[in-house]
Structures are given as structure tokens and as C-alpha cells.
């Protein structure tokens, strides 16, 4: 019943910005009560790695590789979390996945950063 749907991926130039969205549906609970949500990414032939998380209380955390460049935030009224990606680098190229409690996952959205 719970579904996570990502959007906002695409092709951008190095140094550019992109905002990913993850809409949560299928639960009577709002995202402020669902526990930790986050973004992971997976490049070809690589494992799925943590990018950023946000707790129910709104506390963010980031992988060292994206600190200072990415921001995770949410719109509680829309049950949506976002990943604002600035100063993008080619090594950020991956499929980005939204997750709730690492129990539910979105379908993924492709981010490609050209050099």
C-alpha cells in the first residue's frame, strides 16, 4: 500500500543543480511520523550507497561525498521529501532512490551529470 514515487532526475552540466522529489502515498500517517527517510544512489556495477537521511524530527545527515552540496528537506503538507543537489559533479551520476525506513523504496530516477 505504501508507495514512494521519485521524480526530477535528468541530465545536467557539471556545476549545475537539480532537485529530486519523493512523494509518499498509501499511509494514514504523515511523513513526520514515519521514521527516517532518505536518498540512496547506485551507479552501474556498484552497491546502493547512502546519500542523505532526514529523521522524523527533521534532522538531516549526509554522506561525506555530498556534504555542503546537497540538502535534504521535506514538505509535510505534500508528504514529500526532496533532495536539492547543487554543484553537481560527474561522479554524482547514478540512479537515485528514495526510501522510507529502508523498508520501502521508490523506483529510482536517473541523474546524469556531464563534464
C-alpha atoms as a PDB file:
ATOM      1  CA  UNK A   1       0.000   0.000   0.000  1.00  0.00           C
ATOM      2  CA  UNK A   2       2.798   2.409   0.836  1.00  0.00           C
ATOM      3  CA  UNK A   3       4.347   3.789  -2.316  1.00  0.00           C
ATOM      4  CA  UNK A   4       7.251   6.118  -2.934  1.00  0.00           C
ATOM      5  CA  UNK A   5       7.484   7.848  -6.289  1.00  0.00           C
ATOM      6  CA  UNK A   6      10.606   9.775  -7.280  1.00  0.00           C
ATOM      7  CA  UNK A   7      10.812  12.452  -9.912  1.00  0.00           C
ATOM      8  CA  UNK A   8      13.104  15.235 -11.030  1.00  0.00           C
ATOM      9  CA  UNK A   9      16.045  13.344 -12.445  1.00  0.00           C
ATOM     10  CA  UNK A  10      17.647  14.286 -15.707  1.00  0.00           C
ATOM     11  CA  UNK A  11      20.776  15.432 -17.493  1.00  0.00           C
ATOM     12  CA  UNK A  12      22.654  18.441 -16.163  1.00  0.00           C
ATOM     13  CA  UNK A  13      26.051  20.004 -16.686  1.00  0.00           C
ATOM     14  CA  UNK A  14      28.766  19.809 -14.063  1.00  0.00           C
ATOM     15  CA  UNK A  15      28.315  22.636 -11.588  1.00  0.00           C
ATOM     16  CA  UNK A  16      24.594  22.725 -12.182  1.00  0.00           C
ATOM     17  CA  UNK A  17      21.694  21.973  -9.885  1.00  0.00           C
ATOM     18  CA  UNK A  18      18.823  19.535  -9.779  1.00  0.00           C
ATOM     19  CA  UNK A  19      16.012  18.904  -7.322  1.00  0.00           C
ATOM     20  CA  UNK A  20      14.659  15.411  -6.768  1.00  0.00           C
ATOM     21  CA  UNK A  21      11.226  14.785  -5.275  1.00  0.00           C
ATOM     22  CA  UNK A  22       9.841  11.743  -3.482  1.00  0.00           C
ATOM     23  CA  UNK A  23       6.110  11.623  -2.837  1.00  0.00           C
ATOM     24  CA  UNK A  24       4.828   9.154  -0.245  1.00  0.00           C
ATOM     25  CA  UNK A  25       1.311   7.756  -0.515  1.00  0.00           C
ATOM     26  CA  UNK A  26      -0.751   4.884   0.838  1.00  0.00           C
ATOM     27  CA  UNK A  27      -0.418   5.579   4.560  1.00  0.00           C
ATOM     28  CA  UNK A  28      -2.678   7.360   7.004  1.00  0.00           C
ATOM     29  CA  UNK A  29       0.423   8.680   8.702  1.00  0.00           C
ATOM     30  CA  UNK A  30       2.222  11.760   7.532  1.00  0.00           C
ATOM     31  CA  UNK A  31       5.929  11.737   6.828  1.00  0.00           C
ATOM     32  CA  UNK A  32       6.640  13.457  10.138  1.00  0.00           C
ATOM     33  CA  UNK A  33       5.638  10.250  11.940  1.00  0.00           C
ATOM     34  CA  UNK A  34       7.006   7.626   9.555  1.00  0.00           C
ATOM     35  CA  UNK A  35      10.557   7.498  10.810  1.00  0.00           C
ATOM     36  CA  UNK A  36      13.746   8.183   8.928  1.00  0.00           C
ATOM     37  CA  UNK A  37      13.569   8.762   5.204  1.00  0.00           C
ATOM     38  CA  UNK A  38      16.428   9.188   2.838  1.00  0.00           C
ATOM     39  CA  UNK A  39      18.051   9.079  -0.534  1.00  0.00           C
ATOM     40  CA  UNK A  40      20.432   6.427  -1.819  1.00  0.00           C
ATOM     41  CA  UNK A  41      22.172   6.188  -5.154  1.00  0.00           C
ATOM     42  CA  UNK A  42      23.530   3.386  -7.255  1.00  0.00           C
ATOM     43  CA  UNK A  43      25.962   3.632 -10.134  1.00  0.00           C
ATOM     44  CA  UNK A  44      26.388   0.764 -12.610  1.00  0.00           C
ATOM     45  CA  UNK A  45      28.002  -2.306 -11.025  1.00  0.00           C
ATOM     46  CA  UNK A  46      28.212  -0.536  -7.668  1.00  0.00           C
ATOM     47  CA  UNK A  47      26.307  -1.059  -4.445  1.00  0.00           C
ATOM     48  CA  UNK A  48      23.482   1.196  -3.386  1.00  0.00           C
ATOM     49  CA  UNK A  49      25.045   3.841  -1.146  1.00  0.00           C
ATOM     50  CA  UNK A  50      23.579   6.340   1.290  1.00  0.00           C
ATOM     51  CA  UNK A  51      23.348   9.941   0.125  1.00  0.00           C
ATOM     52  CA  UNK A  52      21.282  11.675   2.803  1.00  0.00           C
ATOM     53  CA  UNK A  53      18.707  10.996   5.502  1.00  0.00           C
ATOM     54  CA  UNK A  54      16.155  13.041   7.391  1.00  0.00           C
ATOM     55  CA  UNK A  55      14.616  11.968  10.695  1.00  0.00           C
ATOM     56  CA  UNK A  56      11.010  12.371  11.778  1.00  0.00           C
ATOM     57  CA  UNK A  57      12.122  15.439  13.702  1.00  0.00           C
ATOM     58  CA  UNK A  58      13.691  16.957  10.608  1.00  0.00           C
ATOM     59  CA  UNK A  59      17.354  16.347  11.403  1.00  0.00           C
ATOM     60  CA  UNK A  60      19.394  15.786   8.239  1.00  0.00           C
ATOM     61  CA  UNK A  61      22.529  13.766   7.747  1.00  0.00           C
ATOM     62  CA  UNK A  62      24.739  13.410   4.687  1.00  0.00           C
ATOM     63  CA  UNK A  63      27.352  11.231   3.142  1.00  0.00           C
ATOM     64  CA  UNK A  64      30.763  12.884   3.169  1.00  0.00           C
ATOM     65  CA  UNK A  65      30.769  12.919  -0.617  1.00  0.00           C
ATOM     66  CA  UNK A  66      27.799  15.301  -0.787  1.00  0.00           C
ATOM     67  CA  UNK A  67      28.185  17.425   2.342  1.00  0.00           C
ATOM     68  CA  UNK A  68      27.988  21.106   1.544  1.00  0.00           C
ATOM     69  CA  UNK A  69      26.478  20.457  -1.875  1.00  0.00           C
ATOM     70  CA  UNK A  70      23.233  18.549  -1.267  1.00  0.00           C
ATOM     71  CA  UNK A  71      20.324  19.411   1.006  1.00  0.00           C
ATOM     72  CA  UNK A  72      17.548  17.062   2.074  1.00  0.00           C
ATOM     73  CA  UNK A  73      14.294  18.668   3.152  1.00  0.00           C
ATOM     74  CA  UNK A  74      10.572  17.997   3.177  1.00  0.00           C
ATOM     75  CA  UNK A  75       7.142  19.459   2.564  1.00  0.00           C
ATOM     76  CA  UNK A  76       4.979  17.895   5.249  1.00  0.00           C
ATOM     77  CA  UNK A  77       1.702  19.059   3.709  1.00  0.00           C
ATOM     78  CA  UNK A  78       2.557  17.216   0.499  1.00  0.00           C
ATOM     79  CA  UNK A  79       4.100  14.165   2.189  1.00  0.00           C
ATOM     80  CA  UNK A  80       7.123  14.749   0.021  1.00  0.00           C
ATOM     81  CA  UNK A  81      10.840  14.839   0.646  1.00  0.00           C
ATOM     82  CA  UNK A  82      13.333  16.497  -1.640  1.00  0.00           C
ATOM     83  CA  UNK A  83      16.995  16.344  -2.444  1.00  0.00           C
ATOM     84  CA  UNK A  84      18.394  19.657  -3.635  1.00  0.00           C
ATOM     85  CA  UNK A  85      21.621  18.913  -5.465  1.00  0.00           C
ATOM     86  CA  UNK A  86      23.965  21.808  -6.168  1.00  0.00           C
ATOM     87  CA  UNK A  87      27.481  21.960  -7.586  1.00  0.00           C
ATOM     88  CA  UNK A  88      26.894  18.641  -9.283  1.00  0.00           C
ATOM     89  CA  UNK A  89      29.876  16.571 -10.366  1.00  0.00           C
ATOM     90  CA  UNK A  90      30.126  13.784 -12.943  1.00  0.00           C
ATOM     91  CA  UNK A  91      30.715  11.319 -10.113  1.00  0.00           C
ATOM     92  CA  UNK A  92      27.206  12.111  -8.846  1.00  0.00           C
ATOM     93  CA  UNK A  93      25.842  10.272 -11.872  1.00  0.00           C
ATOM     94  CA  UNK A  94      23.668   7.407 -10.636  1.00  0.00           C
ATOM     95  CA  UNK A  95      20.146   6.184 -10.189  1.00  0.00           C
ATOM     96  CA  UNK A  96      18.776   7.877  -7.091  1.00  0.00           C
ATOM     97  CA  UNK A  97      16.337   6.021  -4.860  1.00  0.00           C
ATOM     98  CA  UNK A  98      14.075   7.358  -2.139  1.00  0.00           C
ATOM     99  CA  UNK A  99      13.474   5.159   0.896  1.00  0.00           C
ATOM    100  CA  UNK A 100      11.281   5.063   3.965  1.00  0.00           C
ATOM    101  CA  UNK A 101      12.878   3.221   6.907  1.00  0.00           C
ATOM    102  CA  UNK A 102      14.874   1.229   4.347  1.00  0.00           C
ATOM    103  CA  UNK A 103      11.718  -0.890   4.129  1.00  0.00           C
ATOM    104  CA  UNK A 104      10.062   0.869   1.219  1.00  0.00           C
ATOM    105  CA  UNK A 105      11.805   2.069  -1.915  1.00  0.00           C
ATOM    106  CA  UNK A 106      10.922   4.131  -4.914  1.00  0.00           C
ATOM    107  CA  UNK A 107      11.519   3.067  -8.492  1.00  0.00           C
ATOM    108  CA  UNK A 108      14.559   5.278  -8.893  1.00  0.00           C
ATOM    109  CA  UNK A 109      15.277   8.325 -11.004  1.00  0.00           C
ATOM    110  CA  UNK A 110      18.320   8.731 -13.227  1.00  0.00           C
ATOM    111  CA  UNK A 111      20.691  11.629 -12.631  1.00  0.00           C
ATOM    112  CA  UNK A 112      23.382  12.183 -15.228  1.00  0.00           C
ATOM    113  CA  UNK A 113      25.987  14.918 -14.833  1.00  0.00           C
ATOM    114  CA  UNK A 114      28.020  15.775 -17.902  1.00  0.00           C
ATOM    115  CA  UNK A 115      31.570  17.087 -17.678  1.00  0.00           C
END
